[in-house]
N, C-alpha and C. Protein backbone atom coordinates (compact mmCIF):
# COMPACT_ATOMS: atom_id res chain seq x y z
N MET A 1 58.32 115.24 110.15
CA MET A 1 58.87 114.35 110.85
C MET A 1 59.47 113.79 110.37
N PRO A 2 61.10 113.82 110.50
CA PRO A 2 61.85 112.91 110.22
C PRO A 2 61.65 111.56 109.90
N THR A 3 61.26 110.18 109.34
CA THR A 3 61.47 109.08 109.60
C THR A 3 62.67 108.00 109.69
N ASP A 4 62.76 107.16 110.18
CA ASP A 4 63.68 106.46 110.30
C ASP A 4 63.70 105.27 108.76
N ARG A 5 62.69 105.49 108.27
CA ARG A 5 62.85 104.54 106.93
C ARG A 5 63.68 105.13 106.09
N SER A 6 63.83 106.68 106.07
CA SER A 6 64.73 106.94 104.88
C SER A 6 66.25 107.27 105.07
N ALA A 7 66.53 106.98 106.61
CA ALA A 7 67.56 106.28 106.58
C ALA A 7 68.29 105.28 106.38
N ARG A 8 67.44 104.28 106.89
CA ARG A 8 67.42 102.74 106.61
C ARG A 8 67.67 102.76 104.84
N ARG A 9 66.67 103.36 104.10
CA ARG A 9 66.95 103.11 102.69
C ARG A 9 68.14 103.71 102.19
N LEU A 10 68.37 104.87 103.12
CA LEU A 10 69.85 105.67 101.69
C LEU A 10 70.74 104.68 102.65
N LEU A 11 70.65 103.85 103.20
CA LEU A 11 71.98 103.14 103.65
C LEU A 11 71.79 101.87 103.33
N ALA A 12 70.42 101.06 102.82
CA ALA A 12 70.72 100.00 101.57
C ALA A 12 71.37 100.23 100.53
N PHE A 13 70.99 101.28 100.32
CA PHE A 13 71.07 102.18 98.95
C PHE A 13 72.78 101.82 98.96
N ALA A 14 73.37 102.60 99.97
CA ALA A 14 75.10 103.01 99.66
C ALA A 14 75.46 101.66 99.64
N LEU A 15 75.31 100.58 101.08
CA LEU A 15 75.67 99.20 101.11
C LEU A 15 75.55 98.61 99.54
N GLY A 16 74.63 98.35 98.83
CA GLY A 16 73.99 98.09 97.90
C GLY A 16 75.15 97.92 96.55
N THR A 17 74.92 98.90 96.48
CA THR A 17 75.83 99.99 95.22
C THR A 17 77.70 99.59 95.48
N ALA A 18 78.07 99.75 96.72
CA ALA A 18 79.35 99.03 97.10
C ALA A 18 79.84 97.82 96.75
N ALA A 19 78.39 97.09 97.55
CA ALA A 19 78.48 95.67 96.93
C ALA A 19 78.64 95.42 95.22
N ILE A 20 78.55 96.58 94.54
CA ILE A 20 77.95 96.45 92.61
C ILE A 20 79.05 96.10 92.63
N PHE A 21 79.66 97.57 93.64
CA PHE A 21 81.15 98.47 92.26
C PHE A 21 82.25 97.17 92.90
N ASP A 22 82.41 97.02 94.46
CA ASP A 22 82.98 95.64 94.62
C ASP A 22 83.42 94.32 94.27
N ILE A 23 82.41 93.79 93.43
CA ILE A 23 81.80 92.44 93.00
C ILE A 23 82.66 92.93 91.94
N THR A 24 82.36 94.00 91.20
CA THR A 24 82.72 94.03 89.76
C THR A 24 84.08 94.74 89.15
N GLY A 25 85.04 95.51 90.51
CA GLY A 25 86.06 95.90 90.12
C GLY A 25 86.72 94.52 90.37
N ALA A 26 86.63 93.61 91.39
CA ALA A 26 87.10 92.36 91.42
C ALA A 26 87.34 91.69 90.56
N VAL A 27 86.01 91.42 90.32
CA VAL A 27 86.15 90.73 88.41
C VAL A 27 86.69 90.88 87.67
N ILE A 28 86.55 92.32 87.44
CA ILE A 28 87.45 93.19 86.43
C ILE A 28 89.29 93.10 86.26
N TYR A 29 89.42 93.21 87.96
CA TYR A 29 91.06 93.16 88.24
C TYR A 29 91.45 91.32 87.92
N ARG A 30 90.68 90.94 88.56
CA ARG A 30 90.89 89.38 87.43
C ARG A 30 91.22 89.20 86.54
N VAL A 31 90.29 89.28 85.55
CA VAL A 31 89.90 89.38 83.70
C VAL A 31 91.05 89.96 83.34
N LEU A 32 91.68 91.48 84.33
CA LEU A 32 92.65 92.42 83.17
C LEU A 32 94.06 91.70 84.18
N ARG A 33 94.40 91.07 85.06
CA ARG A 33 95.28 91.06 85.59
C ARG A 33 95.87 89.85 84.97
N THR A 34 95.28 88.71 84.17
CA THR A 34 96.32 88.00 82.93
C THR A 34 97.09 88.42 82.25
N GLY A 35 96.64 89.67 81.31
CA GLY A 35 96.66 90.55 81.11
C GLY A 35 98.49 91.18 80.93
N LEU A 36 98.23 91.13 82.53
CA LEU A 36 99.53 92.65 82.74
C LEU A 36 100.25 91.60 83.43
N PRO A 37 101.65 92.55 82.55
CA PRO A 37 103.25 92.00 82.50
C PRO A 37 103.45 91.92 84.13
N PRO A 38 104.61 90.87 84.61
CA PRO A 38 104.31 89.82 85.49
C PRO A 38 105.44 91.58 86.27
N SER A 39 106.11 91.50 87.49
CA SER A 39 106.11 92.37 88.34
C SER A 39 107.61 92.70 88.47
N PRO A 40 108.33 93.36 88.57
CA PRO A 40 109.96 93.61 88.23
C PRO A 40 110.10 92.70 89.64
N GLN A 41 110.71 91.67 90.13
CA GLN A 41 111.73 91.05 91.00
C GLN A 41 112.67 92.39 91.75
N GLU A 42 112.61 92.34 92.94
CA GLU A 42 112.93 93.55 93.50
C GLU A 42 114.48 91.96 93.90
N PRO A 43 115.34 93.07 93.97
CA PRO A 43 116.71 92.41 94.66
C PRO A 43 117.02 92.27 96.17
N ARG A 44 117.56 91.82 96.71
CA ARG A 44 117.09 91.19 97.73
C ARG A 44 117.68 92.22 99.16
N ALA A 45 118.56 93.23 98.42
CA ALA A 45 118.90 94.74 99.43
C ALA A 45 117.77 94.96 99.36
N GLY A 46 117.96 95.89 101.07
CA GLY A 46 117.16 96.83 101.47
C GLY A 46 117.41 97.59 100.68
N PRO A 47 115.67 98.47 101.78
CA PRO A 47 115.95 100.07 101.08
C PRO A 47 116.96 100.86 100.92
N PHE A 48 117.76 100.45 102.17
CA PHE A 48 118.90 101.51 102.54
C PHE A 48 119.85 101.20 101.37
N GLN A 49 120.47 99.86 101.26
CA GLN A 49 121.51 99.42 100.55
C GLN A 49 120.44 99.76 98.96
N LEU A 50 119.35 99.97 98.38
CA LEU A 50 119.07 100.27 97.23
C LEU A 50 119.04 101.43 97.20
N SER A 51 119.03 102.86 97.71
CA SER A 51 119.98 104.14 98.27
C SER A 51 120.68 104.34 97.68
N THR A 52 121.75 103.12 98.35
CA THR A 52 123.36 103.54 97.85
C THR A 52 123.63 103.12 96.79
N MET A 53 123.02 102.50 96.29
CA MET A 53 123.78 101.57 94.75
C MET A 53 122.90 102.93 93.85
N THR A 54 121.85 103.63 93.98
CA THR A 54 121.41 104.18 93.55
C THR A 54 122.74 105.91 93.30
N ILE A 55 123.01 106.21 94.47
CA ILE A 55 123.60 106.98 95.11
C ILE A 55 124.89 107.19 94.18
N GLN A 56 125.71 105.88 93.55
CA GLN A 56 127.11 105.15 93.45
C GLN A 56 126.75 105.61 91.89
N ASP A 57 125.96 104.64 91.64
CA ASP A 57 125.25 104.96 90.62
C ASP A 57 125.77 106.40 89.69
N ALA A 58 124.85 107.39 90.21
CA ALA A 58 124.72 108.07 89.75
C ALA A 58 125.94 109.31 89.63
N HIS A 59 126.92 109.03 91.01
CA HIS A 59 128.18 109.15 90.84
C HIS A 59 128.88 109.17 89.67
N ARG A 60 129.23 107.90 89.65
CA ARG A 60 129.93 107.43 88.55
C ARG A 60 129.09 107.49 87.05
N GLU A 61 127.95 107.99 87.12
CA GLU A 61 127.68 108.42 86.29
C GLU A 61 127.75 110.12 85.32
N ALA A 62 127.84 111.34 86.80
CA ALA A 62 128.39 112.00 86.90
C ALA A 62 130.37 112.92 86.68
N VAL A 63 130.86 111.46 87.41
CA VAL A 63 132.20 111.56 86.86
C VAL A 63 132.62 111.51 85.73
N THR A 64 131.76 109.96 84.56
CA THR A 64 132.27 110.04 83.37
C THR A 64 131.62 111.19 82.67
N ARG A 65 130.14 111.97 83.18
CA ARG A 65 130.32 112.75 82.26
C ARG A 65 130.83 114.44 82.21
N ALA A 66 130.79 114.82 83.60
CA ALA A 66 132.15 115.71 83.80
C ALA A 66 132.81 116.50 82.92
N ARG A 67 132.85 117.28 82.36
CA ARG A 67 134.15 118.00 81.43
C ARG A 67 134.99 119.84 82.86
N ASP A 68 135.94 119.69 82.76
CA ASP A 68 136.33 120.67 83.23
C ASP A 68 136.46 122.21 82.38
N ALA A 69 137.20 122.95 82.46
CA ALA A 69 137.22 124.38 81.91
C ALA A 69 137.94 123.58 80.28
N ASN A 70 139.00 123.22 80.82
CA ASN A 70 139.09 122.94 79.21
C ASN A 70 138.80 121.67 78.57
N GLY A 71 137.13 121.24 79.33
CA GLY A 71 137.33 120.21 77.81
C GLY A 71 137.81 118.70 78.28
N GLN A 72 138.68 119.06 79.04
CA GLN A 72 139.56 117.37 79.80
C GLN A 72 138.30 116.81 80.10
N SER A 73 138.38 114.89 80.47
CA SER A 73 137.61 115.04 82.15
C SER A 73 138.55 114.82 82.98
N PRO A 74 138.26 115.07 83.93
CA PRO A 74 138.56 114.98 85.78
C PRO A 74 138.96 113.21 85.41
N SER A 75 140.28 113.34 86.46
CA SER A 75 140.87 111.99 86.87
C SER A 75 139.80 111.70 87.69
N ALA A 76 139.11 110.51 87.99
CA ALA A 76 138.61 110.52 89.34
C ALA A 76 139.57 109.81 90.81
């Protein structure tokens, strides 16, 4: 017949392990955070504006790199 002590021991072990790794992870993050480069500043535009700017930049680049059959750049 199984006892309830084994379940409590397992739960205590799991919670103790989680606590140890949580504290260790927090300490390591705080120590290494000072050595990390700063996060890039996001422009104040929203996601739709950012995707539109990406598409426009890609279009400009594609037009400047495009060549027709004669090797001439088409006029945009």
